[in-house]
């Protein structure tokens, strides 16, 4: 049990320290992201990659699969969590979320590694 708790704590600390190297301008966030701009997530697998409004995101699931109940069978949206200073993929089912890293933006053609 101690190993499981330590592993979860390590993942939490790592996630809290991982910041996207790319940021989305506030005007773009208001116009194209947030709870008023839901979509159906089609990318499956661990750490799924998806694109919205020219930005490519990777859901940080650390090898786990996202739940159909919370991420695939209901609309989701991307928003910025100002408390933790990170972008997240939110489910419209019970408000659960997972961190996302922005890999590209409309001006870049290749992935950008996140800051650590």
PDB file of N, CA and C in Angstrom:
ATOM      1  N   UNK A   1       0.822  -1.188   0.000  1.00  0.00           N
ATOM      2  CA  UNK A   1       0.000   0.000   0.000  1.00  0.00           C
ATOM      3  C   UNK A   1       0.872   1.259   0.000  1.00  0.00           C
ATOM      4  N   UNK A   2       1.984   1.228   0.757  1.00  0.00           N
ATOM      5  CA  UNK A   2       2.872   2.388   0.803  1.00  0.00           C
ATOM      6  C   UNK A   2       3.437   2.700  -0.579  1.00  0.00           C
ATOM      7  N   UNK A   3       3.764   1.642  -1.361  1.00  0.00           N
ATOM      8  CA  UNK A   3       4.317   1.853  -2.699  1.00  0.00           C
ATOM      9  C   UNK A   3       3.303   2.538  -3.605  1.00  0.00           C
ATOM     10  N   UNK A   4       2.041   2.139  -3.508  1.00  0.00           N
ATOM     11  CA  UNK A   4       0.993   2.749  -4.331  1.00  0.00           C
ATOM     12  C   UNK A   4       0.826   4.216  -3.968  1.00  0.00           C
ATOM     13  N   UNK A   5       0.793   4.511  -2.680  1.00  0.00           N
ATOM     14  CA  UNK A   5       0.635   5.904  -2.231  1.00  0.00           C
ATOM     15  C   UNK A   5       1.832   6.742  -2.674  1.00  0.00           C
ATOM     16  N   UNK A   6       3.036   6.201  -2.533  1.00  0.00           N
ATOM     17  CA  UNK A   6       4.226   6.938  -2.965  1.00  0.00           C
ATOM     18  C   UNK A   6       4.222   7.180  -4.467  1.00  0.00           C
ATOM     19  N   UNK A   7       3.785   6.184  -5.255  1.00  0.00           N
ATOM     20  CA  UNK A   7       3.724   6.340  -6.711  1.00  0.00           C
ATOM     21  C   UNK A   7       2.721   7.427  -7.086  1.00  0.00           C
ATOM     22  N   UNK A   8       1.553   7.428  -6.444  1.00  0.00           N
ATOM     23  CA  UNK A   8       0.548   8.457  -6.730  1.00  0.00           C
ATOM     24  C   UNK A   8       1.051   9.837  -6.332  1.00  0.00           C
ATOM     25  N   UNK A   9       1.741   9.924  -5.216  1.00  0.00           N
ATOM     26  CA  UNK A   9       2.312  11.196  -4.784  1.00  0.00           C
ATOM     27  C   UNK A   9       3.353  11.694  -5.773  1.00  0.00           C
ATOM     28  N   UNK A  10       4.197  10.794  -6.270  1.00  0.00           N
ATOM     29  CA  UNK A  10       5.226  11.172  -7.250  1.00  0.00           C
ATOM     30  C   UNK A  10       4.585  11.681  -8.532  1.00  0.00           C
ATOM     31  N   UNK A  11       3.535  11.017  -9.009  1.00  0.00           N
ATOM     32  CA  UNK A  11       2.845  11.451 -10.232  1.00  0.00           C
ATOM     33  C   UNK A  11       2.219  12.817 -10.006  1.00  0.00           C
ATOM     34  N   UNK A  12       1.628  13.035  -8.836  1.00  0.00           N
ATOM     35  CA  UNK A  12       1.004  14.322  -8.526  1.00  0.00           C
ATOM     36  C   UNK A  12       2.032  15.442  -8.504  1.00  0.00           C
ATOM     37  N   UNK A  13       3.174  15.197  -7.872  1.00  0.00           N
ATOM     38  CA  UNK A  13       4.229  16.208  -7.823  1.00  0.00           C
ATOM     39  C   UNK A  13       4.757  16.487  -9.219  1.00  0.00           C
ATOM     40  N   UNK A  14       4.979  15.431 -10.025  1.00  0.00           N
ATOM     41  CA  UNK A  14       5.464  15.616 -11.392  1.00  0.00           C
ATOM     42  C   UNK A  14       4.464  16.427 -12.204  1.00  0.00           C
ATOM     43  N   UNK A  15       3.196  16.089 -12.087  1.00  0.00           N
ATOM     44  CA  UNK A  15       2.163  16.794 -12.855  1.00  0.00           C
ATOM     45  C   UNK A  15       2.098  18.261 -12.450  1.00  0.00           C
ATOM     46  N   UNK A  16       2.240  18.541 -11.172  1.00  0.00           N
ATOM     47  CA  UNK A  16       2.169  19.918 -10.707  1.00  0.00           C
ATOM     48  C   UNK A  16       3.359  20.741 -11.192  1.00  0.00           C
ATOM     49  N   UNK A  17       4.469  20.079 -11.468  1.00  0.00           N
ATOM     50  CA  UNK A  17       5.663  20.794 -11.908  1.00  0.00           C
ATOM     51  C   UNK A  17       5.812  20.856 -13.428  1.00  0.00           C
ATOM     52  N   UNK A  18       4.942  20.184 -14.168  1.00  0.00           N
ATOM     53  CA  UNK A  18       5.024  20.180 -15.620  1.00  0.00           C
ATOM     54  C   UNK A  18       4.194  21.335 -16.172  1.00  0.00           C
ATOM     55  N   UNK A  19       4.814  22.240 -16.871  1.00  0.00           N
ATOM     56  CA  UNK A  19       4.121  23.376 -17.463  1.00  0.00           C
ATOM     57  C   UNK A  19       4.295  23.339 -18.976  1.00  0.00           C
ATOM     58  N   UNK A  20       3.273  23.743 -19.691  1.00  0.00           N
ATOM     59  CA  UNK A  20       3.375  23.805 -21.141  1.00  0.00           C
ATOM     60  C   UNK A  20       4.333  24.913 -21.529  1.00  0.00           C
ATOM     61  N   UNK A  21       5.167  24.646 -22.524  1.00  0.00           N
ATOM     62  CA  UNK A  21       6.067  25.671 -23.048  1.00  0.00           C
ATOM     63  C   UNK A  21       5.288  26.669 -23.898  1.00  0.00           C
ATOM     64  N   UNK A  22       4.116  26.261 -24.369  1.00  0.00           N
ATOM     65  CA  UNK A  22       3.265  27.113 -25.201  1.00  0.00           C
ATOM     66  C   UNK A  22       2.068  27.555 -24.370  1.00  0.00           C
ATOM     67  N   UNK A  23       1.680  28.800 -24.502  1.00  0.00           N
ATOM     68  CA  UNK A  23       0.487  29.289 -23.829  1.00  0.00           C
ATOM     69  C   UNK A  23      -0.515  29.778 -24.867  1.00  0.00           C
ATOM     70  N   UNK A  24      -1.756  29.784 -24.476  1.00  0.00           N
ATOM     71  CA  UNK A  24      -2.827  30.244 -25.356  1.00  0.00           C
ATOM     72  C   UNK A  24      -3.195  31.659 -24.937  1.00  0.00           C
ATOM     73  N   UNK A  25      -3.190  32.616 -25.875  1.00  0.00           N
ATOM     74  CA  UNK A  25      -3.551  33.997 -25.518  1.00  0.00           C
ATOM     75  C   UNK A  25      -4.960  34.061 -24.921  1.00  0.00           C
ATOM     76  N   UNK A  26      -5.149  34.978 -23.999  1.00  0.00           N
ATOM     77  CA  UNK A  26      -6.428  35.100 -23.302  1.00  0.00           C
ATOM     78  C   UNK A  26      -7.608  35.298 -24.255  1.00  0.00           C
ATOM     79  N   UNK A  27      -7.431  36.094 -25.294  1.00  0.00           N
ATOM     80  CA  UNK A  27      -8.514  36.325 -26.259  1.00  0.00           C
ATOM     81  C   UNK A  27      -8.906  35.025 -26.962  1.00  0.00           C
ATOM     82  N   UNK A  28      -7.915  34.198 -27.297  1.00  0.00           N
ATOM     83  CA  UNK A  28      -8.191  32.912 -27.946  1.00  0.00           C
ATOM     84  C   UNK A  28      -8.877  31.968 -26.969  1.00  0.00           C
ATOM     85  N   UNK A  29      -8.444  31.997 -25.704  1.00  0.00           N
ATOM     86  CA  UNK A  29      -9.099  31.154 -24.689  1.00  0.00           C
ATOM     87  C   UNK A  29     -10.584  31.489 -24.603  1.00  0.00           C
ATOM     88  N   UNK A  30     -10.899  32.768 -24.525  1.00  0.00           N
ATOM     89  CA  UNK A  30     -12.300  33.180 -24.409  1.00  0.00           C
ATOM     90  C   UNK A  30     -13.105  32.838 -25.657  1.00  0.00           C
ATOM     91  N   UNK A  31     -12.488  32.997 -26.827  1.00  0.00           N
ATOM     92  CA  UNK A  31     -13.207  32.794 -28.088  1.00  0.00           C
ATOM     93  C   UNK A  31     -13.360  31.333 -28.482  1.00  0.00           C
ATOM     94  N   UNK A  32     -12.441  30.456 -28.045  1.00  0.00           N
ATOM     95  CA  UNK A  32     -12.419  29.095 -28.598  1.00  0.00           C
ATOM     96  C   UNK A  32     -12.323  27.962 -27.584  1.00  0.00           C
ATOM     97  N   UNK A  33     -12.114  28.268 -26.311  1.00  0.00           N
ATOM     98  CA  UNK A  33     -11.955  27.226 -25.309  1.00  0.00           C
ATOM     99  C   UNK A  33     -12.874  27.486 -24.130  1.00  0.00           C
ATOM    100  N   UNK A  34     -12.898  26.576 -23.195  1.00  0.00           N
ATOM    101  CA  UNK A  34     -13.729  26.725 -22.003  1.00  0.00           C
ATOM    102  C   UNK A  34     -15.031  25.959 -22.131  1.00  0.00           C
ATOM    103  N   UNK A  35     -15.870  26.022 -21.098  1.00  0.00           N
ATOM    104  CA  UNK A  35     -17.097  25.219 -21.038  1.00  0.00           C
ATOM    105  C   UNK A  35     -18.117  25.517 -22.134  1.00  0.00           C
ATOM    106  N   UNK A  36     -18.013  26.668 -22.774  1.00  0.00           N
ATOM    107  CA  UNK A  36     -18.945  26.981 -23.875  1.00  0.00           C
ATOM    108  C   UNK A  36     -18.474  26.419 -25.214  1.00  0.00           C
ATOM    109  N   UNK A  37     -17.323  25.738 -25.225  1.00  0.00           N
ATOM    110  CA  UNK A  37     -16.746  25.224 -26.472  1.00  0.00           C
ATOM    111  C   UNK A  37     -16.410  23.734 -26.310  1.00  0.00           C
ATOM    112  N   UNK A  38     -17.453  22.929 -26.139  1.00  0.00           N
ATOM    113  CA  UNK A  38     -17.258  21.498 -25.924  1.00  0.00           C
ATOM    114  C   UNK A  38     -17.066  20.771 -27.256  1.00  0.00           C
ATOM    115  N   UNK A  39     -16.497  19.578 -27.164  1.00  0.00           N
ATOM    116  CA  UNK A  39     -16.294  18.717 -28.332  1.00  0.00           C
ATOM    117  C   UNK A  39     -16.247  17.276 -27.854  1.00  0.00           C
ATOM    118  N   UNK A  40     -16.328  16.352 -28.781  1.00  0.00           N
ATOM    119  CA  UNK A  40     -16.219  14.929 -28.454  1.00  0.00           C
ATOM    120  C   UNK A  40     -14.780  14.496 -28.704  1.00  0.00           C
ATOM    121  N   UNK A  41     -14.163  13.921 -27.700  1.00  0.00           N
ATOM    122  CA  UNK A  41     -12.789  13.440 -27.815  1.00  0.00           C
ATOM    123  C   UNK A  41     -12.786  12.148 -28.629  1.00  0.00           C
ATOM    124  N   UNK A  42     -12.024  12.123 -29.700  1.00  0.00           N
ATOM    125  CA  UNK A  42     -11.977  10.957 -30.574  1.00  0.00           C
ATOM    126  C   UNK A  42     -10.675  10.173 -30.432  1.00  0.00           C
ATOM    127  N   UNK A  43      -9.604  10.802 -29.945  1.00  0.00           N
ATOM    128  CA  UNK A  43      -8.314  10.130 -29.779  1.00  0.00           C
ATOM    129  C   UNK A  43      -8.378   9.197 -28.578  1.00  0.00           C
ATOM    130  N   UNK A  44      -7.981   7.943 -28.771  1.00  0.00           N
ATOM    131  CA  UNK A  44      -7.997   6.950 -27.697  1.00  0.00           C
ATOM    132  C   UNK A  44      -6.574   6.519 -27.367  1.00  0.00           C
ATOM    133  N   UNK A  45      -6.443   5.732 -26.316  1.00  0.00           N
ATOM    134  CA  UNK A  45      -5.153   5.203 -25.906  1.00  0.00           C
ATOM    135  C   UNK A  45      -4.600   5.987 -24.734  1.00  0.00           C
ATOM    136  N   UNK A  46      -3.442   5.549 -24.262  1.00  0.00           N
ATOM    137  CA  UNK A  46      -2.820   6.278 -23.158  1.00  0.00           C
ATOM    138  C   UNK A  46      -2.186   7.552 -23.717  1.00  0.00           C
ATOM    139  N   UNK A  47      -2.268   8.617 -22.957  1.00  0.00           N
ATOM    140  CA  UNK A  47      -1.747   9.926 -23.369  1.00  0.00           C
ATOM    141  C   UNK A  47      -2.259  10.346 -24.749  1.00  0.00           C
ATOM    142  N   UNK A  48      -3.583  10.343 -24.959  1.00  0.00           N
ATOM    143  CA  UNK A  48      -4.108  10.668 -26.291  1.00  0.00           C
ATOM    144  C   UNK A  48      -3.739  12.082 -26.731  1.00  0.00           C
ATOM    145  N   UNK A  49      -3.494  12.229 -28.024  1.00  0.00           N
ATOM    146  CA  UNK A  49      -3.153  13.520 -28.624  1.00  0.00           C
ATOM    147  C   UNK A  49      -4.324  13.958 -29.492  1.00  0.00           C
ATOM    148  N   UNK A  50      -4.717  15.221 -29.358  1.00  0.00           N
ATOM    149  CA  UNK A  50      -5.838  15.751 -30.133  1.00  0.00           C
ATOM    150  C   UNK A  50      -5.565  17.211 -30.475  1.00  0.00           C
ATOM    151  N   UNK A  51      -6.276  17.711 -31.477  1.00  0.00           N
ATOM    152  CA  UNK A  51      -6.090  19.080 -31.944  1.00  0.00           C
ATOM    153  C   UNK A  51      -7.400  19.853 -31.842  1.00  0.00           C
ATOM    154  N   UNK A  52      -7.292  21.090 -31.361  1.00  0.00           N
ATOM    155  CA  UNK A  52      -8.425  22.016 -31.295  1.00  0.00           C
ATOM    156  C   UNK A  52      -7.920  23.396 -31.686  1.00  0.00           C
ATOM    157  N   UNK A  53      -8.588  24.034 -32.638  1.00  0.00           N
ATOM    158  CA  UNK A  53      -8.321  25.411 -33.035  1.00  0.00           C
ATOM    159  C   UNK A  53      -6.835  25.625 -33.357  1.00  0.00           C
ATOM    160  N   UNK A  54      -6.213  24.647 -33.982  1.00  0.00           N
ATOM    161  CA  UNK A  54      -4.816  24.774 -34.385  1.00  0.00           C
ATOM    162  C   UNK A  54      -3.805  24.411 -33.313  1.00  0.00           C
ATOM    163  N   UNK A  55      -4.244  24.132 -32.108  1.00  0.00           N
ATOM    164  CA  UNK A  55      -3.364  23.722 -31.016  1.00  0.00           C
ATOM    165  C   UNK A  55      -3.427  22.201 -30.884  1.00  0.00           C
ATOM    166  N   UNK A  56      -2.279  21.567 -30.713  1.00  0.00           N
ATOM    167  CA  UNK A  56      -2.225  20.125 -30.497  1.00  0.00           C
ATOM    168  C   UNK A  56      -1.930  19.879 -29.029  1.00  0.00           C
ATOM    169  N   UNK A  57      -2.756  19.051 -28.406  1.00  0.00           N
ATOM    170  CA  UNK A  57      -2.668  18.754 -26.977  1.00  0.00           C
ATOM    171  C   UNK A  57      -2.358  17.276 -26.756  1.00  0.00           C
ATOM    172  N   UNK A  58      -1.704  16.980 -25.627  1.00  0.00           N
ATOM    173  CA  UNK A  58      -1.527  15.601 -25.171  1.00  0.00           C
ATOM    174  C   UNK A  58      -2.110  15.525 -23.767  1.00  0.00           C
ATOM    175  N   UNK A  59      -3.069  14.610 -23.572  1.00  0.00           N
ATOM    176  CA  UNK A  59      -3.608  14.376 -22.232  1.00  0.00           C
ATOM    177  C   UNK A  59      -2.575  13.599 -21.431  1.00  0.00           C
ATOM    178  N   UNK A  60      -2.235  14.094 -20.256  1.00  0.00           N
ATOM    179  CA  UNK A  60      -1.196  13.479 -19.426  1.00  0.00           C
ATOM    180  C   UNK A  60      -1.820  12.417 -18.529  1.00  0.00           C
ATOM    181  N   UNK A  61      -1.938  11.207 -19.055  1.00  0.00           N
ATOM    182  CA  UNK A  61      -2.557  10.113 -18.304  1.00  0.00           C
ATOM    183  C   UNK A  61      -1.522   9.161 -17.720  1.00  0.00           C
ATOM    184  N   UNK A  62      -0.249   9.389 -18.002  1.00  0.00           N
ATOM    185  CA  UNK A  62       0.853   8.590 -17.473  1.00  0.00           C
ATOM    186  C   UNK A  62       0.659   7.100 -17.746  1.00  0.00           C
ATOM    187  N   UNK A  63       0.203   6.810 -18.967  1.00  0.00           N
ATOM    188  CA  UNK A  63       0.067   5.433 -19.408  1.00  0.00           C
ATOM    189  C   UNK A  63      -1.296   4.815 -19.157  1.00  0.00           C
ATOM    190  N   UNK A  64      -2.149   5.481 -18.399  1.00  0.00           N
ATOM    191  CA  UNK A  64      -3.484   4.946 -18.140  1.00  0.00           C
ATOM    192  C   UNK A  64      -4.444   5.373 -19.248  1.00  0.00           C
ATOM    193  N   UNK A  65      -5.538   4.633 -19.397  1.00  0.00           N
ATOM    194  CA  UNK A  65      -6.557   4.969 -20.387  1.00  0.00           C
ATOM    195  C   UNK A  65      -7.610   5.858 -19.742  1.00  0.00           C
ATOM    196  N   UNK A  66      -8.134   6.789 -20.509  1.00  0.00           N
ATOM    197  CA  UNK A  66      -9.212   7.639 -20.028  1.00  0.00           C
ATOM    198  C   UNK A  66     -10.519   6.847 -20.024  1.00  0.00           C
ATOM    199  N   UNK A  67     -11.400   7.180 -19.121  1.00  0.00           N
ATOM    200  CA  UNK A  67     -12.682   6.495 -18.966  1.00  0.00           C
ATOM    201  C   UNK A  67     -13.669   6.917 -20.051  1.00  0.00           C
ATOM    202  N   UNK A  68     -14.359   5.934 -20.635  1.00  0.00           N
ATOM    203  CA  UNK A  68     -15.417   6.240 -21.596  1.00  0.00           C
ATOM    204  C   UNK A  68     -16.501   7.092 -20.944  1.00  0.00           C
ATOM    205  N   UNK A  69     -16.831   6.774 -19.695  1.00  0.00           N
ATOM    206  CA  UNK A  69     -17.902   7.468 -18.968  1.00  0.00           C
ATOM    207  C   UNK A  69     -17.624   8.958 -18.819  1.00  0.00           C
ATOM    208  N   UNK A  70     -16.358   9.314 -18.639  1.00  0.00           N
ATOM    209  CA  UNK A  70     -16.022  10.711 -18.373  1.00  0.00           C
ATOM    210  C   UNK A  70     -15.407  11.459 -19.559  1.00  0.00           C
ATOM    211  N   UNK A  71     -14.854  10.748 -20.537  1.00  0.00           N
ATOM    212  CA  UNK A  71     -14.127  11.454 -21.592  1.00  0.00           C
ATOM    213  C   UNK A  71     -14.559  11.132 -23.021  1.00  0.00           C
ATOM    214  N   UNK A  72     -15.156   9.974 -23.267  1.00  0.00           N
ATOM    215  CA  UNK A  72     -15.475   9.612 -24.650  1.00  0.00           C
ATOM    216  C   UNK A  72     -16.960   9.611 -24.961  1.00  0.00           C
ATOM    217  N   UNK A  73     -17.792   9.364 -23.969  1.00  0.00           N
ATOM    218  CA  UNK A  73     -19.233   9.300 -24.207  1.00  0.00           C
ATOM    219  C   UNK A  73     -19.952  10.594 -23.858  1.00  0.00           C
ATOM    220  N   UNK A  74     -19.193  11.617 -23.484  1.00  0.00           N
ATOM    221  CA  UNK A  74     -19.763  12.919 -23.119  1.00  0.00           C
ATOM    222  C   UNK A  74     -18.894  14.026 -23.714  1.00  0.00           C
ATOM    223  N   UNK A  75     -19.449  15.206 -23.904  1.00  0.00           N
ATOM    224  CA  UNK A  75     -18.619  16.322 -24.380  1.00  0.00           C
ATOM    225  C   UNK A  75     -17.549  16.687 -23.353  1.00  0.00           C
ATOM    226  N   UNK A  76     -16.420  17.156 -23.854  1.00  0.00           N
ATOM    227  CA  UNK A  76     -15.301  17.613 -23.030  1.00  0.00           C
ATOM    228  C   UNK A  76     -14.888  19.001 -23.508  1.00  0.00           C
ATOM    229  N   UNK A  77     -14.038  19.661 -22.740  1.00  0.00           N
ATOM    230  CA  UNK A  77     -13.519  20.967 -23.160  1.00  0.00           C
ATOM    231  C   UNK A  77     -12.160  21.201 -22.521  1.00  0.00           C
ATOM    232  N   UNK A  78     -11.384  22.078 -23.125  1.00  0.00           N
ATOM    233  CA  UNK A  78     -10.074  22.466 -22.606  1.00  0.00           C
ATOM    234  C   UNK A  78     -10.225  23.832 -21.943  1.00  0.00           C
ATOM    235  N   UNK A  79      -9.624  23.958 -20.763  1.00  0.00           N
ATOM    236  CA  UNK A  79      -9.646  25.242 -20.069  1.00  0.00           C
ATOM    237  C   UNK A  79      -8.357  25.379 -19.255  1.00  0.00           C
ATOM    238  N   UNK A  80      -8.114  26.576 -18.754  1.00  0.00           N
ATOM    239  CA  UNK A  80      -6.927  26.834 -17.951  1.00  0.00           C
ATOM    240  C   UNK A  80      -7.307  26.816 -16.486  1.00  0.00           C
ATOM    241  N   UNK A  81      -6.599  26.029 -15.690  1.00  0.00           N
ATOM    242  CA  UNK A  81      -6.800  25.955 -14.244  1.00  0.00           C
ATOM    243  C   UNK A  81      -5.874  26.989 -13.609  1.00  0.00           C
ATOM    244  N   UNK A  82      -6.417  28.135 -13.240  1.00  0.00           N
ATOM    245  CA  UNK A  82      -5.585  29.222 -12.718  1.00  0.00           C
ATOM    246  C   UNK A  82      -5.023  28.905 -11.330  1.00  0.00           C
ATOM    247  N   UNK A  83      -5.679  28.043 -10.565  1.00  0.00           N
ATOM    248  CA  UNK A  83      -5.148  27.676  -9.243  1.00  0.00           C
ATOM    249  C   UNK A  83      -3.839  26.897  -9.369  1.00  0.00           C
ATOM    250  N   UNK A  84      -3.786  25.972 -10.321  1.00  0.00           N
ATOM    251  CA  UNK A  84      -2.600  25.131 -10.502  1.00  0.00           C
ATOM    252  C   UNK A  84      -1.734  25.583 -11.675  1.00  0.00           C
ATOM    253  N   UNK A  85      -2.178  26.619 -12.381  1.00  0.00           N
ATOM    254  CA  UNK A  85      -1.440  27.185 -13.515  1.00  0.00           C
ATOM    255  C   UNK A  85      -1.109  26.138 -14.571  1.00  0.00           C
ATOM    256  N   UNK A  86      -2.170  25.434 -15.037  1.00  0.00           N
ATOM    257  CA  UNK A  86      -2.007  24.430 -16.079  1.00  0.00           C
ATOM    258  C   UNK A  86      -3.298  24.304 -16.885  1.00  0.00           C
ATOM    259  N   UNK A  87      -3.145  23.824 -18.112  1.00  0.00           N
ATOM    260  CA  UNK A  87      -4.290  23.551 -18.962  1.00  0.00           C
ATOM    261  C   UNK A  87      -4.812  22.163 -18.619  1.00  0.00           C
ATOM    262  N   UNK A  88      -6.143  22.012 -18.681  1.00  0.00           N
ATOM    263  CA  UNK A  88      -6.763  20.741 -18.338  1.00  0.00           C
ATOM    264  C   UNK A  88      -7.856  20.403 -19.332  1.00  0.00           C
ATOM    265  N   UNK A  89      -8.095  19.100 -19.500  1.00  0.00           N
ATOM    266  CA  UNK A  89      -9.206  18.589 -20.290  1.00  0.00           C
ATOM    267  C   UNK A  89     -10.298  18.224 -19.297  1.00  0.00           C
ATOM    268  N   UNK A  90     -11.420  18.926 -19.356  1.00  0.00           N
ATOM    269  CA  UNK A  90     -12.515  18.732 -18.417  1.00  0.00           C
ATOM    270  C   UNK A  90     -13.620  17.906 -19.052  1.00  0.00           C
ATOM    271  N   UNK A  91     -14.198  17.020 -18.272  1.00  0.00           N
ATOM    272  CA  UNK A  91     -15.375  16.269 -18.677  1.00  0.00           C
ATOM    273  C   UNK A  91     -16.605  17.057 -18.256  1.00  0.00           C
ATOM    274  N   UNK A  92     -17.664  16.976 -19.041  1.00  0.00           N
ATOM    275  CA  UNK A  92     -18.915  17.605 -18.626  1.00  0.00           C
ATOM    276  C   UNK A  92     -19.688  16.692 -17.683  1.00  0.00           C
ATOM    277  N   UNK A  93     -19.167  15.489 -17.459  1.00  0.00           N
ATOM    278  CA  UNK A  93     -19.781  14.542 -16.531  1.00  0.00           C
ATOM    279  C   UNK A  93     -19.073  14.656 -15.182  1.00  0.00           C
ATOM    280  N   UNK A  94     -19.702  15.302 -14.219  1.00  0.00           N
ATOM    281  CA  UNK A  94     -19.211  15.437 -12.855  1.00  0.00           C
ATOM    282  C   UNK A  94     -17.954  16.293 -12.722  1.00  0.00           C
ATOM    283  N   UNK A  95     -17.545  17.012 -13.759  1.00  0.00           N
ATOM    284  CA  UNK A  95     -16.448  17.962 -13.652  1.00  0.00           C
ATOM    285  C   UNK A  95     -15.063  17.388 -13.421  1.00  0.00           C
ATOM    286  N   UNK A  96     -14.831  16.121 -13.751  1.00  0.00           N
ATOM    287  CA  UNK A  96     -13.488  15.566 -13.599  1.00  0.00           C
ATOM    288  C   UNK A  96     -12.588  16.123 -14.695  1.00  0.00           C
ATOM    289  N   UNK A  97     -11.266  16.102 -14.455  1.00  0.00           N
ATOM    290  CA  UNK A  97     -10.352  16.657 -15.446  1.00  0.00           C
ATOM    291  C   UNK A  97      -9.000  15.968 -15.371  1.00  0.00           C
ATOM    292  N   UNK A  98      -8.229  16.148 -16.435  1.00  0.00           N
ATOM    293  CA  UNK A  98      -6.870  15.631 -16.519  1.00  0.00           C
ATOM    294  C   UNK A  98      -6.009  16.720 -17.145  1.00  0.00           C
ATOM    295  N   UNK A  99      -4.767  16.798 -16.712  1.00  0.00           N
ATOM    296  CA  UNK A  99      -3.850  17.807 -17.253  1.00  0.00           C
ATOM    297  C   UNK A  99      -3.573  17.535 -18.725  1.00  0.00           C
ATOM    298  N   UNK A 100      -3.416  18.603 -19.503  1.00  0.00           N
ATOM    299  CA  UNK A 100      -2.980  18.491 -20.891  1.00  0.00           C
ATOM    300  C   UNK A 100      -1.754  19.368 -21.101  1.00  0.00           C
ATOM    301  N   UNK A 101      -0.895  18.929 -21.991  1.00  0.00           N
ATOM    302  CA  UNK A 101       0.273  19.699 -22.391  1.00  0.00           C
ATOM    303  C   UNK A 101       0.046  20.150 -23.820  1.00  0.00           C
ATOM    304  N   UNK A 102       0.336  21.406 -24.114  1.00  0.00           N
ATOM    305  CA  UNK A 102       0.219  21.910 -25.485  1.00  0.00           C
ATOM    306  C   UNK A 102       1.508  21.546 -26.210  1.00  0.00           C
ATOM    307  N   UNK A 103       1.376  20.786 -27.276  1.00  0.00           N
ATOM    308  CA  UNK A 103       2.538  20.343 -28.044  1.00  0.00           C
ATOM    309  C   UNK A 103       2.860  21.275 -29.202  1.00  0.00           C
ATOM    310  N   UNK A 104       1.829  21.797 -29.858  1.00  0.00           N
ATOM    311  CA  UNK A 104       2.044  22.751 -30.956  1.00  0.00           C
ATOM    312  C   UNK A 104       0.964  23.826 -30.902  1.00  0.00           C
ATOM    313  N   UNK A 105       1.245  24.932 -31.546  1.00  0.00           N
ATOM    314  CA  UNK A 105       0.227  25.962 -31.702  1.00  0.00           C
ATOM    315  C   UNK A 105       0.136  26.300 -33.189  1.00  0.00           C
ATOM    316  N   UNK A 106      -0.806  27.141 -33.582  1.00  0.00           N
ATOM    317  CA  UNK A 106      -0.983  27.419 -35.016  1.00  0.00           C
ATOM    318  C   UNK A 106       0.259  27.971 -35.720  1.00  0.00           C
ATOM    319  N   UNK A 107       1.199  28.532 -34.976  1.00  0.00           N
ATOM    320  CA  UNK A 107       2.395  29.114 -35.589  1.00  0.00           C
ATOM    321  C   UNK A 107       3.574  28.150 -35.650  1.00  0.00           C
ATOM    322  N   UNK A 108       3.477  26.996 -34.967  1.00  0.00           N
ATOM    323  CA  UNK A 108       4.600  26.058 -34.920  1.00  0.00           C
ATOM    324  C   UNK A 108       4.243  24.775 -35.670  1.00  0.00           C
ATOM    325  N   UNK A 109       5.237  24.161 -36.294  1.00  0.00           N
ATOM    326  CA  UNK A 109       4.962  22.952 -37.062  1.00  0.00           C
ATOM    327  C   UNK A 109       5.518  21.691 -36.406  1.00  0.00           C
ATOM    328  N   UNK A 110       6.163  21.820 -35.238  1.00  0.00           N
ATOM    329  CA  UNK A 110       6.696  20.643 -34.577  1.00  0.00           C
ATOM    330  C   UNK A 110       6.404  20.720 -33.080  1.00  0.00           C
ATOM    331  N   UNK A 111       6.509  19.594 -32.418  1.00  0.00           N
ATOM    332  CA  UNK A 111       6.230  19.530 -30.995  1.00  0.00           C
ATOM    333  C   UNK A 111       7.230  20.357 -30.205  1.00  0.00           C
ATOM    334  N   UNK A 112       6.760  20.933 -29.116  1.00  0.00           N
ATOM    335  CA  UNK A 112       7.599  21.683 -28.197  1.00  0.00           C
ATOM    336  C   UNK A 112       7.598  20.914 -26.882  1.00  0.00           C
ATOM    337  N   UNK A 113       8.768  20.589 -26.369  1.00  0.00           N
ATOM    338  CA  UNK A 113       8.836  19.848 -25.126  1.00  0.00           C
ATOM    339  C   UNK A 113       8.362  20.720 -23.970  1.00  0.00           C
ATOM    340  N   UNK A 114       7.609  20.136 -23.010  1.00  0.00           N
ATOM    341  CA  UNK A 114       7.155  20.926 -21.876  1.00  0.00           C
ATOM    342  C   UNK A 114       8.307  21.305 -20.974  1.00  0.00           C
ATOM    343  N   UNK A 115       8.153  22.444 -20.283  1.00  0.00           N
ATOM    344  CA  UNK A 115       9.138  22.853 -19.284  1.00  0.00           C
ATOM    345  C   UNK A 115       9.012  21.935 -18.090  1.00  0.00           C
ATOM    346  N   UNK A 116      10.111  21.663 -17.428  1.00  0.00           N
ATOM    347  CA  UNK A 116      10.040  20.835 -16.206  1.00  0.00           C
ATOM    348  C   UNK A 116      10.521  21.619 -15.018  1.00  0.00           C
TER     349      UNK A 116
END
